[in-house]
All heavy atoms as atom14 arrays in JSON, in Angstrom:
{
  "sequence": "ELTLAIHRTFDSPRDVVLFDTGHQSYVHKIITGRADSFDGLRQ",
  "atom14_mask": [
    [1, 1, 1, 1, 1, 1, 1, 1, 1, 0, 0, 0, 0, 0],
    [1, 1, 1, 1, 1, 1, 1, 1, 0, 0, 0, 0, 0, 0],
    [1, 1, 1, 1, 1, 1, 1, 0, 0, 0, 0, 0, 0, 0],
    [1, 1, 1, 1, 1, 1, 1, 1, 0, 0, 0, 0, 0, 0],
    [1, 1, 1, 1, 1, 0, 0, 0, 0, 0, 0, 0, 0, 0],
    [1, 1, 1, 1, 1, 1, 1, 1, 0, 0, 0, 0, 0, 0],
    [1, 1, 1, 1, 1, 1, 1, 1, 1, 1, 0, 0, 0, 0],
    [1, 1, 1, 1, 1, 1, 1, 1, 1, 1, 1, 0, 0, 0],
    [1, 1, 1, 1, 1, 1, 1, 0, 0, 0, 0, 0, 0, 0],
    [1, 1, 1, 1, 1, 1, 1, 1, 1, 1, 1, 0, 0, 0],
    [1, 1, 1, 1, 1, 1, 1, 1, 0, 0, 0, 0, 0, 0],
    [1, 1, 1, 1, 1, 1, 0, 0, 0, 0, 0, 0, 0, 0],
    [1, 1, 1, 1, 1, 1, 1, 0, 0, 0, 0, 0, 0, 0],
    [1, 1, 1, 1, 1, 1, 1, 1, 1, 1, 1, 0, 0, 0],
    [1, 1, 1, 1, 1, 1, 1, 1, 0, 0, 0, 0, 0, 0],
    [1, 1, 1, 1, 1, 1, 1, 0, 0, 0, 0, 0, 0, 0],
    [1, 1, 1, 1, 1, 1, 1, 0, 0, 0, 0, 0, 0, 0],
    [1, 1, 1, 1, 1, 1, 1, 1, 0, 0, 0, 0, 0, 0],
    [1, 1, 1, 1, 1, 1, 1, 1, 1, 1, 1, 0, 0, 0],
    [1, 1, 1, 1, 1, 1, 1, 1, 0, 0, 0, 0, 0, 0],
    [1, 1, 1, 1, 1, 1, 1, 0, 0, 0, 0, 0, 0, 0],
    [1, 1, 1, 1, 0, 0, 0, 0, 0, 0, 0, 0, 0, 0],
    [1, 1, 1, 1, 1, 1, 1, 1, 1, 1, 0, 0, 0, 0],
    [1, 1, 1, 1, 1, 1, 1, 1, 1, 0, 0, 0, 0, 0],
    [1, 1, 1, 1, 1, 1, 0, 0, 0, 0, 0, 0, 0, 0],
    [1, 1, 1, 1, 1, 1, 1, 1, 1, 1, 1, 1, 0, 0],
    [1, 1, 1, 1, 1, 1, 1, 0, 0, 0, 0, 0, 0, 0],
    [1, 1, 1, 1, 1, 1, 1, 1, 1, 1, 0, 0, 0, 0],
    [1, 1, 1, 1, 1, 1, 1, 1, 1, 0, 0, 0, 0, 0],
    [1, 1, 1, 1, 1, 1, 1, 1, 0, 0, 0, 0, 0, 0],
    [1, 1, 1, 1, 1, 1, 1, 1, 0, 0, 0, 0, 0, 0],
    [1, 1, 1, 1, 1, 1, 1, 0, 0, 0, 0, 0, 0, 0],
    [1, 1, 1, 1, 0, 0, 0, 0, 0, 0, 0, 0, 0, 0],
    [1, 1, 1, 1, 1, 1, 1, 1, 1, 1, 1, 0, 0, 0],
    [1, 1, 1, 1, 1, 0, 0, 0, 0, 0, 0, 0, 0, 0],
    [1, 1, 1, 1, 1, 1, 1, 1, 0, 0, 0, 0, 0, 0],
    [1, 1, 1, 1, 1, 1, 0, 0, 0, 0, 0, 0, 0, 0],
    [1, 1, 1, 1, 1, 1, 1, 1, 1, 1, 1, 0, 0, 0],
    [1, 1, 1, 1, 1, 1, 1, 1, 0, 0, 0, 0, 0, 0],
    [1, 1, 1, 1, 0, 0, 0, 0, 0, 0, 0, 0, 0, 0],
    [1, 1, 1, 1, 1, 1, 1, 1, 0, 0, 0, 0, 0, 0],
    [1, 1, 1, 1, 1, 1, 1, 1, 1, 1, 1, 0, 0, 0],
    [1, 1, 1, 1, 1, 1, 1, 1, 1, 0, 0, 0, 0, 0]
  ],
  "atom14_positions": [
    [[79.27, 79.7, 106.51], [79.29, 80.19, 107.88], [78.33, 79.33, 108.7], [78.62, 79.19, 109.88], [78.79, 81.64, 107.79], [79.89, 82.58, 107.23], [79.82, 82.7, 105.67], [78.9, 82.06, 105.12], [80.58, 83.6, 105.15], [0.0, 0.0, 0.0], [0.0, 0.0, 0.0], [0.0, 0.0, 0.0], [0.0, 0.0, 0.0], [0.0, 0.0, 0.0]],
    [[77.23, 79.0, 108.12], [76.27, 78.16, 108.85], [76.85, 76.92, 109.37], [76.68, 76.55, 110.49], [75.02, 77.96, 108.02], [73.91, 77.12, 108.61], [73.37, 77.75, 109.83], [72.79, 76.82, 107.61], [0.0, 0.0, 0.0], [0.0, 0.0, 0.0], [0.0, 0.0, 0.0], [0.0, 0.0, 0.0], [0.0, 0.0, 0.0], [0.0, 0.0, 0.0]],
    [[77.61, 76.22, 108.54], [78.21, 74.96, 108.93], [79.26, 75.2, 110.01], [79.47, 74.38, 110.91], [78.82, 74.21, 107.62], [77.83, 74.17, 106.72], [79.21, 72.85, 108.1], [0.0, 0.0, 0.0], [0.0, 0.0, 0.0], [0.0, 0.0, 0.0], [0.0, 0.0, 0.0], [0.0, 0.0, 0.0], [0.0, 0.0, 0.0], [0.0, 0.0, 0.0]],
    [[80.12, 76.27, 109.78], [81.15, 76.56, 110.81], [80.43, 76.85, 112.17], [80.95, 76.33, 113.19], [81.89, 77.81, 110.38], [82.91, 77.54, 109.19], [83.46, 78.96, 108.76], [84.07, 76.74, 109.7], [0.0, 0.0, 0.0], [0.0, 0.0, 0.0], [0.0, 0.0, 0.0], [0.0, 0.0, 0.0], [0.0, 0.0, 0.0], [0.0, 0.0, 0.0]],
    [[79.41, 77.61, 112.23], [78.71, 77.87, 113.41], [78.12, 76.74, 114.08], [78.27, 76.52, 115.35], [77.55, 78.93, 113.13], [0.0, 0.0, 0.0], [0.0, 0.0, 0.0], [0.0, 0.0, 0.0], [0.0, 0.0, 0.0], [0.0, 0.0, 0.0], [0.0, 0.0, 0.0], [0.0, 0.0, 0.0], [0.0, 0.0, 0.0], [0.0, 0.0, 0.0]],
    [[77.58, 75.8, 113.36], [77.11, 74.47, 113.86], [78.22, 73.74, 114.53], [78.04, 73.29, 115.63], [76.37, 73.71, 112.8], [75.09, 74.36, 112.4], [75.99, 72.3, 113.31], [74.37, 73.78, 111.23], [0.0, 0.0, 0.0], [0.0, 0.0, 0.0], [0.0, 0.0, 0.0], [0.0, 0.0, 0.0], [0.0, 0.0, 0.0], [0.0, 0.0, 0.0]],
    [[79.29, 73.58, 113.81], [80.41, 72.8, 114.39], [81.13, 73.49, 115.53], [81.73, 72.72, 116.35], [81.35, 72.37, 113.3], [80.9, 71.17, 112.51], [80.9, 69.95, 113.07], [80.49, 70.99, 111.27], [80.48, 69.05, 112.08], [80.2, 69.72, 111.01], [0.0, 0.0, 0.0], [0.0, 0.0, 0.0], [0.0, 0.0, 0.0], [0.0, 0.0, 0.0]],
    [[81.07, 74.77, 115.63], [81.62, 75.46, 116.77], [80.66, 75.41, 118.01], [81.16, 75.42, 119.17], [81.85, 76.96, 116.38], [83.1, 77.13, 115.64], [83.27, 78.6, 115.15], [83.12, 79.57, 116.16], [84.2, 80.09, 116.83], [85.42, 79.55, 116.57], [84.1, 81.03, 117.64], [0.0, 0.0, 0.0], [0.0, 0.0, 0.0], [0.0, 0.0, 0.0]],
    [[79.39, 75.21, 117.79], [78.44, 75.18, 118.87], [78.26, 73.73, 119.4], [78.04, 73.62, 120.56], [77.11, 75.78, 118.43], [77.38, 77.08, 117.86], [76.17, 75.9, 119.51], [0.0, 0.0, 0.0], [0.0, 0.0, 0.0], [0.0, 0.0, 0.0], [0.0, 0.0, 0.0], [0.0, 0.0, 0.0], [0.0, 0.0, 0.0], [0.0, 0.0, 0.0]],
    [[78.3, 72.87, 118.49], [78.0, 71.42, 118.82], [79.18, 70.66, 118.7], [80.26, 71.06, 118.18], [76.83, 70.89, 118.03], [75.53, 71.51, 118.2], [75.16, 72.63, 117.41], [74.64, 71.15, 119.24], [73.96, 73.32, 117.6], [73.48, 71.76, 119.38], [73.16, 72.94, 118.6], [0.0, 0.0, 0.0], [0.0, 0.0, 0.0], [0.0, 0.0, 0.0]],
    [[79.16, 69.4, 119.23], [80.35, 68.52, 119.32], [80.12, 67.27, 118.48], [79.87, 66.25, 119.06], [80.76, 68.18, 120.74], [81.1, 69.36, 121.59], [81.93, 70.14, 121.13], [80.45, 69.63, 122.63], [0.0, 0.0, 0.0], [0.0, 0.0, 0.0], [0.0, 0.0, 0.0], [0.0, 0.0, 0.0], [0.0, 0.0, 0.0], [0.0, 0.0, 0.0]],
    [[80.3, 67.3, 117.19], [80.21, 66.14, 116.34], [81.48, 65.31, 116.51], [82.56, 65.81, 116.64], [79.98, 66.58, 114.87], [80.01, 65.51, 114.02], [0.0, 0.0, 0.0], [0.0, 0.0, 0.0], [0.0, 0.0, 0.0], [0.0, 0.0, 0.0], [0.0, 0.0, 0.0], [0.0, 0.0, 0.0], [0.0, 0.0, 0.0], [0.0, 0.0, 0.0]],
    [[81.29, 64.01, 116.52], [80.18, 63.16, 116.28], [79.22, 62.85, 117.48], [78.27, 62.17, 117.28], [80.8, 61.9, 115.62], [82.07, 61.77, 116.44], [82.6, 63.15, 116.64], [0.0, 0.0, 0.0], [0.0, 0.0, 0.0], [0.0, 0.0, 0.0], [0.0, 0.0, 0.0], [0.0, 0.0, 0.0], [0.0, 0.0, 0.0], [0.0, 0.0, 0.0]],
    [[79.66, 63.23, 118.63], [78.86, 62.89, 119.79], [77.46, 63.59, 119.58], [76.41, 62.98, 119.82], [79.47, 63.31, 121.13], [78.58, 63.02, 122.24], [79.35, 62.89, 123.57], [78.49, 62.44, 124.74], [78.15, 61.2, 124.87], [78.53, 60.26, 124.1], [77.28, 60.9, 125.82], [0.0, 0.0, 0.0], [0.0, 0.0, 0.0], [0.0, 0.0, 0.0]],
    [[77.46, 64.83, 119.23], [76.24, 65.42, 118.67], [76.1, 65.1, 117.26], [77.02, 65.26, 116.48], [76.31, 67.01, 118.91], [76.37, 67.39, 120.42], [75.74, 66.66, 121.24], [76.89, 68.46, 120.72], [0.0, 0.0, 0.0], [0.0, 0.0, 0.0], [0.0, 0.0, 0.0], [0.0, 0.0, 0.0], [0.0, 0.0, 0.0], [0.0, 0.0, 0.0]],
    [[74.88, 64.69, 116.87], [74.67, 64.21, 115.46], [74.13, 65.41, 114.58], [73.2, 66.06, 114.96], [73.62, 63.09, 115.47], [73.27, 62.66, 114.07], [74.16, 61.85, 116.27], [0.0, 0.0, 0.0], [0.0, 0.0, 0.0], [0.0, 0.0, 0.0], [0.0, 0.0, 0.0], [0.0, 0.0, 0.0], [0.0, 0.0, 0.0], [0.0, 0.0, 0.0]],
    [[74.86, 65.58, 113.47], [74.49, 66.63, 112.54], [73.99, 65.95, 111.28], [74.7, 65.16, 110.62], [75.67, 67.53, 112.22], [75.25, 68.61, 111.3], [76.25, 68.09, 113.53], [0.0, 0.0, 0.0], [0.0, 0.0, 0.0], [0.0, 0.0, 0.0], [0.0, 0.0, 0.0], [0.0, 0.0, 0.0], [0.0, 0.0, 0.0], [0.0, 0.0, 0.0]],
    [[72.78, 66.24, 110.91], [72.12, 65.64, 109.77], [71.8, 66.7, 108.72], [71.4, 67.83, 109.05], [70.82, 65.0, 110.17], [70.81, 64.03, 111.41], [69.39, 63.6, 111.78], [71.61, 62.72, 111.0], [0.0, 0.0, 0.0], [0.0, 0.0, 0.0], [0.0, 0.0, 0.0], [0.0, 0.0, 0.0], [0.0, 0.0, 0.0], [0.0, 0.0, 0.0]],
    [[71.99, 66.36, 107.41], [71.74, 67.3, 106.33], [70.62, 66.8, 105.45], [70.6, 65.66, 104.98], [72.97, 67.47, 105.49], [74.16, 68.21, 106.16], [75.08, 67.55, 107.02], [74.17, 69.59, 106.08], [76.1, 68.15, 107.62], [75.22, 70.25, 106.78], [76.11, 69.6, 107.5], [0.0, 0.0, 0.0], [0.0, 0.0, 0.0], [0.0, 0.0, 0.0]],
    [[69.74, 67.72, 105.15], [68.54, 67.45, 104.31], [68.51, 68.58, 103.24], [68.07, 69.65, 103.46], [67.24, 67.38, 105.12], [66.15, 66.77, 104.26], [66.21, 66.73, 103.13], [65.08, 66.41, 104.92], [0.0, 0.0, 0.0], [0.0, 0.0, 0.0], [0.0, 0.0, 0.0], [0.0, 0.0, 0.0], [0.0, 0.0, 0.0], [0.0, 0.0, 0.0]],
    [[68.96, 68.3, 102.04], [69.57, 67.07, 101.55], [71.09, 67.07, 101.8], [71.69, 68.14, 102.06], [69.25, 66.75, 100.15], [69.87, 67.64, 99.34], [67.79, 66.79, 99.89], [0.0, 0.0, 0.0], [0.0, 0.0, 0.0], [0.0, 0.0, 0.0], [0.0, 0.0, 0.0], [0.0, 0.0, 0.0], [0.0, 0.0, 0.0], [0.0, 0.0, 0.0]],
    [[71.68, 65.96, 101.51], [73.09, 65.78, 101.64], [74.0, 66.54, 100.78], [75.23, 66.59, 100.95], [0.0, 0.0, 0.0], [0.0, 0.0, 0.0], [0.0, 0.0, 0.0], [0.0, 0.0, 0.0], [0.0, 0.0, 0.0], [0.0, 0.0, 0.0], [0.0, 0.0, 0.0], [0.0, 0.0, 0.0], [0.0, 0.0, 0.0], [0.0, 0.0, 0.0]],
    [[73.4, 67.08, 99.65], [74.24, 67.88, 98.73], [74.83, 69.09, 99.33], [75.67, 69.69, 98.75], [73.52, 68.23, 97.36], [72.3, 69.05, 97.61], [71.06, 68.69, 97.22], [72.13, 70.34, 98.12], [70.18, 69.69, 97.54], [70.86, 70.7, 98.0], [0.0, 0.0, 0.0], [0.0, 0.0, 0.0], [0.0, 0.0, 0.0], [0.0, 0.0, 0.0]],
    [[74.3, 69.52, 100.48], [74.93, 70.7, 101.13], [75.89, 70.42, 102.26], [76.1, 71.12, 103.16], [73.74, 71.63, 101.69], [72.91, 70.84, 102.77], [71.7, 71.8, 103.21], [71.73, 73.05, 103.13], [70.61, 71.14, 103.51], [0.0, 0.0, 0.0], [0.0, 0.0, 0.0], [0.0, 0.0, 0.0], [0.0, 0.0, 0.0], [0.0, 0.0, 0.0]],
    [[76.5, 69.29, 102.15], [77.4, 68.73, 103.18], [78.92, 68.87, 102.84], [79.76, 68.39, 103.6], [77.02, 67.21, 103.51], [77.42, 66.45, 102.39], [0.0, 0.0, 0.0], [0.0, 0.0, 0.0], [0.0, 0.0, 0.0], [0.0, 0.0, 0.0], [0.0, 0.0, 0.0], [0.0, 0.0, 0.0], [0.0, 0.0, 0.0], [0.0, 0.0, 0.0]],
    [[79.24, 69.49, 101.79], [80.67, 69.61, 101.37], [81.42, 70.31, 102.48], [82.64, 69.95, 102.75], [80.86, 70.29, 100.05], [80.37, 69.6, 98.8], [79.69, 68.38, 98.9], [80.64, 70.09, 97.58], [79.24, 67.78, 97.8], [80.2, 69.46, 96.4], [79.47, 68.31, 96.48], [79.04, 67.62, 95.32], [0.0, 0.0, 0.0], [0.0, 0.0, 0.0]],
    [[80.93, 71.43, 102.97], [81.59, 72.17, 103.99], [81.9, 71.33, 105.22], [82.84, 71.36, 105.88], [80.91, 73.47, 104.3], [81.77, 74.34, 105.35], [80.67, 74.29, 103.05], [0.0, 0.0, 0.0], [0.0, 0.0, 0.0], [0.0, 0.0, 0.0], [0.0, 0.0, 0.0], [0.0, 0.0, 0.0], [0.0, 0.0, 0.0], [0.0, 0.0, 0.0]],
    [[80.71, 70.62, 105.58], [80.81, 69.66, 106.71], [81.96, 68.61, 106.49], [82.73, 68.29, 107.4], [79.49, 68.94, 106.82], [79.51, 67.64, 107.62], [79.43, 67.64, 108.95], [79.47, 66.39, 107.2], [79.45, 66.44, 109.51], [79.46, 65.65, 108.38], [0.0, 0.0, 0.0], [0.0, 0.0, 0.0], [0.0, 0.0, 0.0], [0.0, 0.0, 0.0]],
    [[82.09, 68.12, 105.31], [83.22, 67.16, 105.0], [84.56, 67.8, 105.15], [85.55, 67.14, 105.7], [83.09, 66.66, 103.55], [81.9, 65.71, 103.37], [81.86, 65.12, 101.94], [80.64, 64.16, 101.86], [80.96, 62.82, 101.46], [0.0, 0.0, 0.0], [0.0, 0.0, 0.0], [0.0, 0.0, 0.0], [0.0, 0.0, 0.0], [0.0, 0.0, 0.0]],
    [[84.7, 69.1, 104.74], [85.95, 69.84, 104.91], [86.25, 69.98, 106.37], [87.45, 69.67, 106.76], [85.91, 71.21, 104.23], [85.79, 71.1, 102.67], [87.1, 72.03, 104.56], [85.51, 72.33, 101.87], [0.0, 0.0, 0.0], [0.0, 0.0, 0.0], [0.0, 0.0, 0.0], [0.0, 0.0, 0.0], [0.0, 0.0, 0.0], [0.0, 0.0, 0.0]],
    [[85.31, 70.37, 107.12], [85.56, 70.65, 108.59], [85.88, 69.28, 109.31], [86.61, 69.36, 110.29], [84.32, 71.41, 109.14], [84.22, 72.76, 108.56], [84.45, 71.41, 110.69], [82.94, 73.44, 108.92], [0.0, 0.0, 0.0], [0.0, 0.0, 0.0], [0.0, 0.0, 0.0], [0.0, 0.0, 0.0], [0.0, 0.0, 0.0], [0.0, 0.0, 0.0]],
    [[85.34, 68.22, 108.85], [85.59, 66.95, 109.5], [86.72, 66.23, 108.91], [86.85, 64.93, 109.06], [84.26, 66.12, 109.48], [83.87, 65.91, 108.15], [83.17, 66.68, 110.32], [0.0, 0.0, 0.0], [0.0, 0.0, 0.0], [0.0, 0.0, 0.0], [0.0, 0.0, 0.0], [0.0, 0.0, 0.0], [0.0, 0.0, 0.0], [0.0, 0.0, 0.0]],
    [[87.7, 66.92, 108.35], [88.96, 66.34, 107.95], [89.13, 65.69, 106.71], [90.04, 64.88, 106.44], [0.0, 0.0, 0.0], [0.0, 0.0, 0.0], [0.0, 0.0, 0.0], [0.0, 0.0, 0.0], [0.0, 0.0, 0.0], [0.0, 0.0, 0.0], [0.0, 0.0, 0.0], [0.0, 0.0, 0.0], [0.0, 0.0, 0.0], [0.0, 0.0, 0.0]],
    [[88.21, 65.98, 105.76], [88.28, 65.39, 104.39], [88.7, 66.28, 103.29], [88.47, 66.0, 102.08], [86.97, 64.67, 104.06], [86.81, 63.44, 104.84], [85.36, 62.87, 104.75], [84.41, 63.54, 105.76], [83.15, 63.31, 105.88], [82.56, 62.43, 105.06], [82.4, 63.86, 106.83], [0.0, 0.0, 0.0], [0.0, 0.0, 0.0], [0.0, 0.0, 0.0]],
    [[89.27, 67.42, 103.55], [89.61, 68.46, 102.44], [90.64, 67.79, 101.53], [90.58, 68.02, 100.3], [90.16, 69.7, 103.13], [0.0, 0.0, 0.0], [0.0, 0.0, 0.0], [0.0, 0.0, 0.0], [0.0, 0.0, 0.0], [0.0, 0.0, 0.0], [0.0, 0.0, 0.0], [0.0, 0.0, 0.0], [0.0, 0.0, 0.0], [0.0, 0.0, 0.0]],
    [[91.52, 66.93, 102.05], [92.55, 66.32, 101.15], [92.0, 65.39, 100.11], [92.75, 65.05, 99.16], [93.63, 65.67, 102.07], [94.41, 66.55, 102.89], [94.5, 67.75, 102.62], [95.09, 66.14, 103.78], [0.0, 0.0, 0.0], [0.0, 0.0, 0.0], [0.0, 0.0, 0.0], [0.0, 0.0, 0.0], [0.0, 0.0, 0.0], [0.0, 0.0, 0.0]],
    [[90.74, 65.05, 100.39], [90.17, 63.94, 99.44], [89.33, 64.52, 98.32], [88.65, 63.86, 97.55], [89.25, 63.01, 100.3], [90.08, 62.44, 101.37], [0.0, 0.0, 0.0], [0.0, 0.0, 0.0], [0.0, 0.0, 0.0], [0.0, 0.0, 0.0], [0.0, 0.0, 0.0], [0.0, 0.0, 0.0], [0.0, 0.0, 0.0], [0.0, 0.0, 0.0]],
    [[89.23, 65.95, 98.29], [88.25, 66.54, 97.29], [88.71, 66.42, 95.94], [87.89, 66.65, 94.98], [88.04, 67.99, 97.71], [86.74, 68.16, 98.55], [86.77, 67.81, 99.89], [85.67, 68.68, 98.06], [85.69, 67.93, 100.74], [84.44, 68.79, 98.78], [84.5, 68.42, 100.14], [0.0, 0.0, 0.0], [0.0, 0.0, 0.0], [0.0, 0.0, 0.0]],
    [[89.94, 66.11, 95.66], [90.39, 65.83, 94.24], [89.68, 64.65, 93.68], [89.47, 64.51, 92.48], [91.84, 65.7, 94.08], [92.6, 66.98, 94.25], [92.06, 68.06, 94.0], [93.84, 66.92, 94.75], [0.0, 0.0, 0.0], [0.0, 0.0, 0.0], [0.0, 0.0, 0.0], [0.0, 0.0, 0.0], [0.0, 0.0, 0.0], [0.0, 0.0, 0.0]],
    [[89.17, 63.76, 94.67], [88.43, 62.54, 94.21], [86.98, 62.62, 94.4], [86.29, 61.64, 94.47], [0.0, 0.0, 0.0], [0.0, 0.0, 0.0], [0.0, 0.0, 0.0], [0.0, 0.0, 0.0], [0.0, 0.0, 0.0], [0.0, 0.0, 0.0], [0.0, 0.0, 0.0], [0.0, 0.0, 0.0], [0.0, 0.0, 0.0], [0.0, 0.0, 0.0]],
    [[86.39, 63.9, 94.61], [85.01, 64.01, 94.78], [84.16, 63.33, 93.76], [84.38, 63.63, 92.58], [84.67, 65.5, 94.93], [83.19, 65.83, 95.11], [82.64, 65.4, 96.55], [82.94, 67.43, 94.99], [0.0, 0.0, 0.0], [0.0, 0.0, 0.0], [0.0, 0.0, 0.0], [0.0, 0.0, 0.0], [0.0, 0.0, 0.0], [0.0, 0.0, 0.0]],
    [[83.28, 62.45, 94.06], [82.37, 61.71, 93.19], [83.09, 60.86, 92.17], [82.5, 60.55, 91.2], [81.51, 62.82, 92.5], [80.65, 63.59, 93.45], [80.02, 64.81, 92.87], [78.84, 64.42, 92.1], [78.65, 64.64, 90.74], [79.64, 65.25, 90.05], [77.59, 64.34, 90.16], [0.0, 0.0, 0.0], [0.0, 0.0, 0.0], [0.0, 0.0, 0.0]],
    [[84.37, 60.66, 92.48], [85.11, 59.8, 91.49], [85.29, 58.42, 92.1], [85.16, 58.23, 93.42], [86.44, 60.45, 91.28], [86.47, 61.95, 90.82], [85.8, 62.1, 89.5], [86.12, 61.51, 88.51], [84.81, 63.09, 89.61], [0.0, 0.0, 0.0], [0.0, 0.0, 0.0], [0.0, 0.0, 0.0], [0.0, 0.0, 0.0], [0.0, 0.0, 0.0]]
  ]
}
């Protein structure tokens, strides 16, 4: 929900969204069009 709210409120990539740390960025990847690539996550 937190990632959805951020992307609904701000306009990435014009607005820059940074994650500390990056291990909590999977939902961000899904929202930014990479859901189809998750079969190859970390492969």
